[in-house]
Amino acid sequence: MKKPFFTSFMFLFVLGACTETDPEPEIIICASESFVAGDWELVKAEGSFIPEDAPEPEEMTRKEIYTFTNEGTFTKTVDSKDIHSEATGTYVIEEIGEEMQDKYVGVVVLTFTGGDGMAYNCSSQDVEKEALHISLEGQLANISWAPCDGPWLYYERQ
């Protein structure tokens, strides 16, 4: 009686182990290996003043791209009907505070040093700084304008 029970148990155990799926790969942020290197394009804007029927990325008339290098520099380019601007600067990747670890794994802190000043933030003290949070989904999110009723901007690697 024990042998059939044990065999059935082992069969169910092996079957159960084979049907489990591996969790999504974890995003690892390392200061010596830049997660953000490359081009990141604006794909979505949300906020209290953004209409619910806001255009999809392919319909957006405003094009905004961050280009990050492994050497810790970036270029931000904004193109729309009336505006073409470009800014440059440096960046560092910092750890995220405990209170935000349920949504983000790190933050890219930008310091603008040249070109057209285009830092999106809600601070009058750090007008040349901008923060892009690295989401668990692998997007960059600028949530710095939200306290001033500005949009949340989402960027994806191109």
N, C-alpha and C. Protein backbone atom coordinates (compact mmCIF):
# COMPACT_ATOMS: atom_id res chain seq x y z
N MET A 1 0.82 -1.20 0.00
CA MET A 1 0.00 0.00 0.00
C MET A 1 0.86 1.25 0.00
N LYS A 2 1.99 1.19 0.71
CA LYS A 2 2.85 2.37 0.79
C LYS A 2 3.51 2.66 -0.55
N LYS A 3 3.88 1.61 -1.30
CA LYS A 3 4.59 1.80 -2.56
C LYS A 3 3.72 2.52 -3.60
N PRO A 4 2.45 2.13 -3.84
CA PRO A 4 1.62 2.86 -4.80
C PRO A 4 1.38 4.31 -4.36
N PHE A 5 1.20 4.53 -3.08
CA PHE A 5 0.99 5.89 -2.57
C PHE A 5 2.23 6.74 -2.83
N PHE A 6 3.40 6.19 -2.52
CA PHE A 6 4.67 6.90 -2.71
C PHE A 6 4.89 7.19 -4.20
N THR A 7 4.62 6.22 -5.07
CA THR A 7 4.80 6.39 -6.51
C THR A 7 3.85 7.47 -7.03
N SER A 8 2.61 7.46 -6.58
CA SER A 8 1.64 8.48 -6.98
C SER A 8 2.09 9.86 -6.51
N PHE A 9 2.56 9.93 -5.28
CA PHE A 9 3.05 11.19 -4.73
C PHE A 9 4.21 11.73 -5.55
N MET A 10 5.16 10.87 -5.88
CA MET A 10 6.33 11.29 -6.66
C MET A 10 5.92 11.74 -8.06
N PHE A 11 4.96 11.04 -8.67
CA PHE A 11 4.48 11.40 -9.99
C PHE A 11 3.87 12.80 -9.96
N LEU A 12 3.02 13.06 -8.98
CA LEU A 12 2.39 14.38 -8.85
C LEU A 12 3.43 15.46 -8.54
N PHE A 13 4.42 15.14 -7.72
CA PHE A 13 5.48 16.09 -7.40
C PHE A 13 6.27 16.48 -8.64
N VAL A 14 6.67 15.50 -9.43
CA VAL A 14 7.44 15.76 -10.67
C VAL A 14 6.57 16.52 -11.66
N LEU A 15 5.33 16.11 -11.82
CA LEU A 15 4.42 16.78 -12.74
C LEU A 15 4.23 18.24 -12.33
N GLY A 16 4.05 18.48 -11.04
CA GLY A 16 3.89 19.85 -10.55
C GLY A 16 5.13 20.67 -10.76
N ALA A 17 6.29 20.09 -10.57
CA ALA A 17 7.55 20.82 -10.75
C ALA A 17 7.76 21.19 -12.21
N CYS A 18 7.30 20.37 -13.12
CA CYS A 18 7.51 20.62 -14.55
C CYS A 18 6.56 21.68 -15.08
N THR A 19 5.46 21.93 -14.41
CA THR A 19 4.49 22.89 -14.92
C THR A 19 4.72 24.30 -14.37
N GLU A 20 5.62 24.45 -13.42
CA GLU A 20 5.88 25.79 -12.89
C GLU A 20 6.61 26.62 -13.93
N THR A 21 6.28 27.92 -13.97
CA THR A 21 6.97 28.82 -14.89
C THR A 21 7.98 29.64 -14.12
N ASP A 22 9.06 29.96 -14.80
CA ASP A 22 10.08 30.80 -14.17
C ASP A 22 9.56 32.22 -14.09
N PRO A 23 9.85 32.93 -13.02
CA PRO A 23 9.42 34.31 -12.92
C PRO A 23 10.16 35.17 -13.95
N GLU A 24 9.63 36.37 -14.19
CA GLU A 24 10.28 37.30 -15.11
C GLU A 24 11.70 37.56 -14.64
N PRO A 25 12.64 37.76 -15.58
CA PRO A 25 14.01 38.04 -15.15
C PRO A 25 14.07 39.36 -14.38
N GLU A 26 14.87 39.37 -13.37
CA GLU A 26 15.01 40.55 -12.52
C GLU A 26 15.89 41.58 -13.21
N ILE A 27 15.50 42.85 -13.14
CA ILE A 27 16.33 43.92 -13.68
C ILE A 27 17.41 44.21 -12.65
N ILE A 28 18.65 44.13 -13.08
CA ILE A 28 19.77 44.37 -12.17
C ILE A 28 20.45 45.67 -12.56
N ILE A 29 20.59 46.55 -11.62
CA ILE A 29 21.23 47.84 -11.85
C ILE A 29 22.63 47.78 -11.25
N CYS A 30 23.62 48.05 -12.08
CA CYS A 30 25.00 48.02 -11.64
C CYS A 30 25.67 49.31 -12.10
N ALA A 31 26.32 50.00 -11.19
CA ALA A 31 26.94 51.28 -11.51
C ALA A 31 28.02 51.15 -12.58
N SER A 32 28.70 50.00 -12.67
CA SER A 32 29.78 49.86 -13.63
C SER A 32 29.29 49.42 -15.02
N GLU A 33 28.03 49.01 -15.12
CA GLU A 33 27.47 48.56 -16.39
C GLU A 33 26.14 49.26 -16.61
N SER A 34 26.11 50.20 -17.52
CA SER A 34 24.96 51.07 -17.66
C SER A 34 23.75 50.35 -18.27
N PHE A 35 22.69 50.27 -17.51
CA PHE A 35 21.42 49.71 -17.97
C PHE A 35 20.78 50.63 -19.01
N VAL A 36 21.03 51.92 -18.92
CA VAL A 36 20.32 52.89 -19.75
C VAL A 36 21.00 53.20 -21.07
N ALA A 37 22.20 52.71 -21.33
CA ALA A 37 22.91 53.06 -22.57
C ALA A 37 22.05 52.78 -23.79
N GLY A 38 21.98 53.76 -24.68
CA GLY A 38 21.19 53.64 -25.90
C GLY A 38 20.14 54.73 -25.98
N ASP A 39 19.20 54.55 -26.91
CA ASP A 39 18.14 55.53 -27.15
C ASP A 39 16.85 55.13 -26.44
N TRP A 40 16.21 56.10 -25.80
CA TRP A 40 14.94 55.91 -25.11
C TRP A 40 13.96 56.95 -25.65
N GLU A 41 12.80 56.48 -26.13
CA GLU A 41 11.83 57.37 -26.75
C GLU A 41 10.56 57.48 -25.91
N LEU A 42 10.00 58.69 -25.89
CA LEU A 42 8.73 58.93 -25.20
C LEU A 42 7.64 58.10 -25.84
N VAL A 43 6.94 57.31 -25.00
CA VAL A 43 5.88 56.44 -25.52
C VAL A 43 4.52 56.72 -24.90
N LYS A 44 4.52 57.47 -23.77
CA LYS A 44 3.24 57.67 -23.09
C LYS A 44 3.34 58.85 -22.14
N ALA A 45 2.26 59.59 -22.03
CA ALA A 45 2.15 60.67 -21.06
C ALA A 45 0.84 60.50 -20.30
N GLU A 46 0.90 60.59 -18.98
CA GLU A 46 -0.29 60.47 -18.13
C GLU A 46 -0.31 61.64 -17.16
N GLY A 47 -1.48 61.94 -16.68
CA GLY A 47 -1.58 62.97 -15.66
C GLY A 47 -2.97 63.55 -15.60
N SER A 48 -3.18 64.42 -14.63
CA SER A 48 -4.51 64.98 -14.42
C SER A 48 -4.92 65.91 -15.56
N PHE A 49 -3.99 66.47 -16.30
CA PHE A 49 -4.33 67.36 -17.40
C PHE A 49 -4.11 66.72 -18.77
N ILE A 50 -3.85 65.43 -18.81
CA ILE A 50 -3.70 64.70 -20.06
C ILE A 50 -5.03 64.01 -20.34
N PRO A 51 -5.65 64.24 -21.50
CA PRO A 51 -6.93 63.58 -21.77
C PRO A 51 -6.79 62.07 -21.84
N GLU A 52 -7.87 61.39 -21.46
CA GLU A 52 -7.85 59.92 -21.47
C GLU A 52 -7.65 59.37 -22.88
N ASP A 53 -8.06 60.13 -23.90
CA ASP A 53 -7.90 59.68 -25.27
C ASP A 53 -6.63 60.25 -25.90
N ALA A 54 -5.59 60.40 -25.09
CA ALA A 54 -4.31 60.91 -25.58
C ALA A 54 -3.79 59.99 -26.69
N PRO A 55 -3.04 60.56 -27.64
CA PRO A 55 -2.60 59.75 -28.77
C PRO A 55 -1.66 58.62 -28.38
N GLU A 56 -1.72 57.55 -29.16
CA GLU A 56 -0.81 56.43 -29.02
C GLU A 56 0.57 56.87 -29.51
N PRO A 57 1.64 56.15 -29.14
CA PRO A 57 2.99 56.57 -29.53
C PRO A 57 3.15 56.87 -31.03
N GLU A 58 2.57 56.03 -31.88
CA GLU A 58 2.72 56.26 -33.32
C GLU A 58 1.95 57.47 -33.81
N GLU A 59 1.00 57.99 -33.01
CA GLU A 59 0.22 59.16 -33.39
C GLU A 59 0.74 60.45 -32.76
N MET A 60 1.72 60.36 -31.89
CA MET A 60 2.20 61.53 -31.17
C MET A 60 2.92 62.48 -32.13
N THR A 61 2.63 63.78 -31.99
CA THR A 61 3.30 64.78 -32.83
C THR A 61 4.59 65.25 -32.18
N ARG A 62 4.76 65.01 -30.91
CA ARG A 62 5.98 65.38 -30.19
C ARG A 62 6.88 64.16 -30.08
N LYS A 63 8.11 64.33 -30.50
CA LYS A 63 9.07 63.23 -30.40
C LYS A 63 10.14 63.67 -29.41
N GLU A 64 10.38 62.82 -28.45
CA GLU A 64 11.35 63.13 -27.39
C GLU A 64 12.23 61.91 -27.18
N ILE A 65 13.54 62.09 -27.28
CA ILE A 65 14.47 60.97 -27.17
C ILE A 65 15.64 61.34 -26.26
N TYR A 66 15.95 60.42 -25.35
CA TYR A 66 17.18 60.50 -24.55
C TYR A 66 18.15 59.51 -25.16
N THR A 67 19.40 59.93 -25.36
CA THR A 67 20.45 59.03 -25.81
C THR A 67 21.52 59.00 -24.72
N PHE A 68 21.71 57.83 -24.11
CA PHE A 68 22.66 57.67 -23.03
C PHE A 68 23.90 56.91 -23.53
N THR A 69 25.07 57.30 -23.05
CA THR A 69 26.31 56.58 -23.37
C THR A 69 26.77 55.83 -22.13
N ASN A 70 27.68 54.90 -22.32
CA ASN A 70 28.27 54.17 -21.20
C ASN A 70 29.26 55.04 -20.41
N GLU A 71 29.63 56.19 -20.97
CA GLU A 71 30.58 57.08 -20.30
C GLU A 71 29.89 58.05 -19.34
N GLY A 72 28.58 57.92 -19.14
CA GLY A 72 27.87 58.77 -18.19
C GLY A 72 27.41 60.09 -18.77
N THR A 73 27.26 60.18 -20.09
CA THR A 73 26.74 61.40 -20.71
C THR A 73 25.42 61.09 -21.41
N PHE A 74 24.65 62.13 -21.69
CA PHE A 74 23.38 61.95 -22.38
C PHE A 74 23.11 63.15 -23.28
N THR A 75 22.22 62.93 -24.24
CA THR A 75 21.65 63.99 -25.08
C THR A 75 20.15 63.83 -25.04
N LYS A 76 19.46 64.93 -24.88
CA LYS A 76 18.00 64.92 -24.90
C LYS A 76 17.56 65.76 -26.10
N THR A 77 16.76 65.15 -26.97
CA THR A 77 16.28 65.82 -28.17
C THR A 77 14.76 65.88 -28.13
N VAL A 78 14.21 67.06 -28.40
CA VAL A 78 12.77 67.25 -28.45
C VAL A 78 12.42 67.85 -29.81
N ASP A 79 11.52 67.19 -30.53
CA ASP A 79 11.03 67.66 -31.82
C ASP A 79 9.51 67.67 -31.80
N SER A 80 8.93 68.81 -32.17
CA SER A 80 7.49 68.90 -32.36
C SER A 80 7.26 69.88 -33.50
N LYS A 81 6.03 70.25 -33.72
CA LYS A 81 5.71 71.14 -34.84
C LYS A 81 6.52 72.44 -34.79
N ASP A 82 6.58 73.05 -33.62
CA ASP A 82 7.20 74.37 -33.49
C ASP A 82 8.57 74.37 -32.83
N ILE A 83 8.98 73.25 -32.30
CA ILE A 83 10.20 73.24 -31.48
C ILE A 83 11.16 72.15 -31.94
N HIS A 84 12.42 72.52 -32.02
CA HIS A 84 13.50 71.54 -32.10
C HIS A 84 14.54 72.01 -31.09
N SER A 85 14.77 71.21 -30.09
CA SER A 85 15.78 71.60 -29.10
C SER A 85 16.58 70.38 -28.69
N GLU A 86 17.78 70.67 -28.21
CA GLU A 86 18.69 69.61 -27.81
C GLU A 86 19.47 70.09 -26.59
N ALA A 87 19.66 69.18 -25.66
CA ALA A 87 20.43 69.50 -24.46
C ALA A 87 21.35 68.33 -24.17
N THR A 88 22.43 68.60 -23.47
CA THR A 88 23.40 67.56 -23.12
C THR A 88 23.72 67.65 -21.64
N GLY A 89 24.36 66.60 -21.15
CA GLY A 89 24.75 66.61 -19.75
C GLY A 89 25.33 65.29 -19.33
N THR A 90 25.37 65.10 -18.02
CA THR A 90 25.90 63.89 -17.43
C THR A 90 24.81 63.21 -16.60
N TYR A 91 25.01 61.93 -16.32
CA TYR A 91 24.04 61.22 -15.49
C TYR A 91 24.74 60.23 -14.58
N VAL A 92 24.06 59.90 -13.49
CA VAL A 92 24.48 58.84 -12.59
C VAL A 92 23.24 57.99 -12.27
N ILE A 93 23.48 56.72 -11.99
CA ILE A 93 22.39 55.84 -11.58
C ILE A 93 22.48 55.66 -10.07
N GLU A 94 21.38 55.95 -9.40
CA GLU A 94 21.34 55.85 -7.94
C GLU A 94 20.33 54.80 -7.51
N GLU A 95 20.50 54.32 -6.30
CA GLU A 95 19.55 53.37 -5.73
C GLU A 95 18.26 54.10 -5.40
N ILE A 96 17.18 53.36 -5.41
CA ILE A 96 15.87 53.92 -5.11
C ILE A 96 15.60 53.80 -3.62
N GLY A 97 14.89 54.75 -3.06
CA GLY A 97 14.53 54.69 -1.65
C GLY A 97 13.56 53.55 -1.37
N GLU A 98 13.57 53.07 -0.14
CA GLU A 98 12.72 51.94 0.25
C GLU A 98 11.25 52.18 -0.03
N GLU A 99 10.79 53.42 0.11
CA GLU A 99 9.37 53.72 -0.06
C GLU A 99 8.89 53.55 -1.50
N MET A 100 9.81 53.45 -2.46
CA MET A 100 9.42 53.33 -3.87
C MET A 100 9.86 52.00 -4.50
N GLN A 101 10.40 51.09 -3.70
CA GLN A 101 10.93 49.84 -4.25
C GLN A 101 9.86 48.89 -4.77
N ASP A 102 8.60 49.16 -4.50
CA ASP A 102 7.54 48.31 -5.02
C ASP A 102 7.26 48.60 -6.50
N LYS A 103 7.77 49.75 -7.03
CA LYS A 103 7.53 50.12 -8.42
C LYS A 103 8.81 50.36 -9.22
N TYR A 104 9.90 50.72 -8.52
CA TYR A 104 11.11 51.13 -9.22
C TYR A 104 12.34 50.43 -8.65
N VAL A 105 13.36 50.27 -9.51
CA VAL A 105 14.59 49.60 -9.07
C VAL A 105 15.78 50.55 -9.00
N GLY A 106 15.64 51.73 -9.52
CA GLY A 106 16.73 52.70 -9.50
C GLY A 106 16.26 54.01 -10.09
N VAL A 107 17.13 55.00 -10.04
CA VAL A 107 16.79 56.30 -10.61
C VAL A 107 18.02 56.85 -11.34
N VAL A 108 17.78 57.36 -12.54
CA VAL A 108 18.82 57.99 -13.34
C VAL A 108 18.72 59.49 -13.09
N VAL A 109 19.76 60.06 -12.48
CA VAL A 109 19.76 61.49 -12.16
C VAL A 109 20.57 62.21 -13.24
N LEU A 110 19.89 63.09 -13.97
CA LEU A 110 20.50 63.84 -15.06
C LEU A 110 20.90 65.23 -14.57
N THR A 111 22.06 65.69 -15.01
CA THR A 111 22.49 67.06 -14.76
C THR A 111 22.75 67.69 -16.13
N PHE A 112 21.97 68.68 -16.48
CA PHE A 112 22.09 69.35 -17.77
C PHE A 112 23.26 70.33 -17.72
N THR A 113 24.14 70.25 -18.71
CA THR A 113 25.32 71.11 -18.74
C THR A 113 25.44 71.94 -20.01
N GLY A 114 24.67 71.62 -21.06
CA GLY A 114 24.78 72.36 -22.30
C GLY A 114 23.52 72.30 -23.12
N GLY A 115 23.43 73.20 -24.10
CA GLY A 115 22.28 73.22 -24.99
C GLY A 115 21.10 73.92 -24.36
N ASP A 116 19.93 73.58 -24.85
CA ASP A 116 18.68 74.19 -24.36
C ASP A 116 18.29 73.53 -23.05
N GLY A 117 18.15 74.31 -22.01
CA GLY A 117 17.75 73.75 -20.71
C GLY A 117 16.36 73.17 -20.78
N MET A 118 16.25 71.88 -20.60
CA MET A 118 14.96 71.20 -20.71
C MET A 118 14.73 70.24 -19.56
N ALA A 119 15.20 70.53 -18.39
CA ALA A 119 15.01 69.62 -17.27
C ALA A 119 13.55 69.65 -16.83
N TYR A 120 12.94 68.48 -16.80
CA TYR A 120 11.55 68.37 -16.35
C TYR A 120 11.56 68.02 -14.88
N ASN A 121 11.28 68.99 -14.05
CA ASN A 121 11.17 68.74 -12.62
C ASN A 121 10.25 69.78 -12.01
N CYS A 122 10.01 69.64 -10.75
CA CYS A 122 9.09 70.51 -10.04
C CYS A 122 9.84 71.33 -8.98
N SER A 123 11.14 71.44 -9.14
CA SER A 123 11.96 72.12 -8.13
C SER A 123 12.55 73.39 -8.70
N SER A 124 12.44 74.45 -7.95
CA SER A 124 13.05 75.71 -8.38
C SER A 124 14.51 75.77 -7.96
N GLN A 125 14.93 74.84 -7.10
CA GLN A 125 16.31 74.86 -6.61
C GLN A 125 17.26 74.09 -7.53
N ASP A 126 16.81 73.03 -8.15
CA ASP A 126 17.66 72.22 -9.02
C ASP A 126 17.15 72.28 -10.45
N VAL A 127 17.16 73.48 -11.04
CA VAL A 127 16.59 73.65 -12.37
C VAL A 127 17.35 72.89 -13.44
N GLU A 128 18.60 72.52 -13.18
CA GLU A 128 19.37 71.78 -14.17
C GLU A 128 19.34 70.27 -13.94
N LYS A 129 18.54 69.80 -12.97
CA LYS A 129 18.47 68.36 -12.63
C LYS A 129 17.13 67.78 -13.08
N GLU A 130 17.20 66.50 -13.43
CA GLU A 130 16.00 65.74 -13.79
C GLU A 130 16.21 64.30 -13.33
N ALA A 131 15.15 63.64 -12.93
CA ALA A 131 15.24 62.26 -12.46
C ALA A 131 14.32 61.37 -13.29
N LEU A 132 14.88 60.27 -13.78
CA LEU A 132 14.11 59.26 -14.51
C LEU A 132 14.16 57.97 -13.71
N HIS A 133 13.02 57.53 -13.23
CA HIS A 133 12.93 56.32 -12.43
C HIS A 133 12.89 55.09 -13.33
N ILE A 134 13.65 54.06 -12.98
CA ILE A 134 13.68 52.81 -13.74
C ILE A 134 12.62 51.90 -13.14
N SER A 135 11.57 51.65 -13.93
CA SER A 135 10.45 50.85 -13.42
C SER A 135 10.78 49.36 -13.44
N LEU A 136 10.01 48.61 -12.69
CA LEU A 136 10.17 47.15 -12.67
C LEU A 136 9.92 46.55 -14.05
N GLU A 137 9.17 47.26 -14.89
CA GLU A 137 8.88 46.79 -16.25
C GLU A 137 9.98 47.15 -17.23
N GLY A 138 11.00 47.89 -16.79
CA GLY A 138 12.11 48.25 -17.66
C GLY A 138 11.91 49.55 -18.42
N GLN A 139 10.95 50.36 -18.02
CA GLN A 139 10.76 51.67 -18.62
C GLN A 139 11.48 52.72 -17.79
N LEU A 140 11.70 53.89 -18.40
CA LEU A 140 12.15 55.06 -17.65
C LEU A 140 10.92 55.93 -17.46
N ALA A 141 10.71 56.43 -16.26
CA ALA A 141 9.54 57.24 -15.96
C ALA A 141 9.96 58.53 -15.29
N ASN A 142 9.54 59.65 -15.87
CA ASN A 142 9.76 60.94 -15.23
C ASN A 142 8.49 61.26 -14.47
N ILE A 143 8.56 61.13 -13.15
CA ILE A 143 7.41 61.41 -12.30
C ILE A 143 7.64 62.71 -11.51
N SER A 144 8.66 63.45 -11.88
CA SER A 144 9.06 64.64 -11.13
C SER A 144 8.09 65.81 -11.28
N TRP A 145 7.33 65.84 -12.35
CA TRP A 145 6.38 66.94 -12.55
C TRP A 145 5.06 66.71 -11.83
N ALA A 146 4.76 65.49 -11.44
CA ALA A 146 3.47 65.16 -10.86
C ALA A 146 3.08 66.06 -9.68
N PRO A 147 3.99 66.39 -8.76
CA PRO A 147 3.59 67.26 -7.65
C PRO A 147 3.13 68.65 -8.10
N CYS A 148 3.49 69.06 -9.30
CA CYS A 148 3.09 70.37 -9.84
C CYS A 148 2.01 70.22 -10.91
N ASP A 149 1.26 69.14 -10.86
CA ASP A 149 0.20 68.84 -11.83
C ASP A 149 0.73 68.62 -13.23
N GLY A 150 1.98 68.27 -13.34
CA GLY A 150 2.55 67.96 -14.65
C GLY A 150 2.32 66.51 -15.00
N PRO A 151 2.71 66.12 -16.21
CA PRO A 151 2.48 64.75 -16.64
C PRO A 151 3.53 63.79 -16.10
N TRP A 152 3.16 62.51 -16.09
CA TRP A 152 4.11 61.42 -15.89
C TRP A 152 4.50 61.01 -17.30
N LEU A 153 5.79 60.99 -17.59
CA LEU A 153 6.27 60.66 -18.93
C LEU A 153 6.98 59.32 -18.90
N TYR A 154 6.67 58.46 -19.86
CA TYR A 154 7.25 57.11 -19.91
C TYR A 154 8.05 56.94 -21.20
N TYR A 155 9.23 56.37 -21.04
CA TYR A 155 10.16 56.16 -22.16
C TYR A 155 10.52 54.69 -22.24
N GLU A 156 10.68 54.20 -23.49
CA GLU A 156 11.11 52.83 -23.71
C GLU A 156 12.32 52.81 -24.60
N ARG A 157 13.16 51.80 -24.40
CA ARG A 157 14.38 51.65 -25.20
C ARG A 157 14.00 51.36 -26.65
N GLN A 158 14.71 51.99 -27.56
CA GLN A 158 14.45 51.81 -29.00
C GLN A 158 15.44 50.86 -29.61
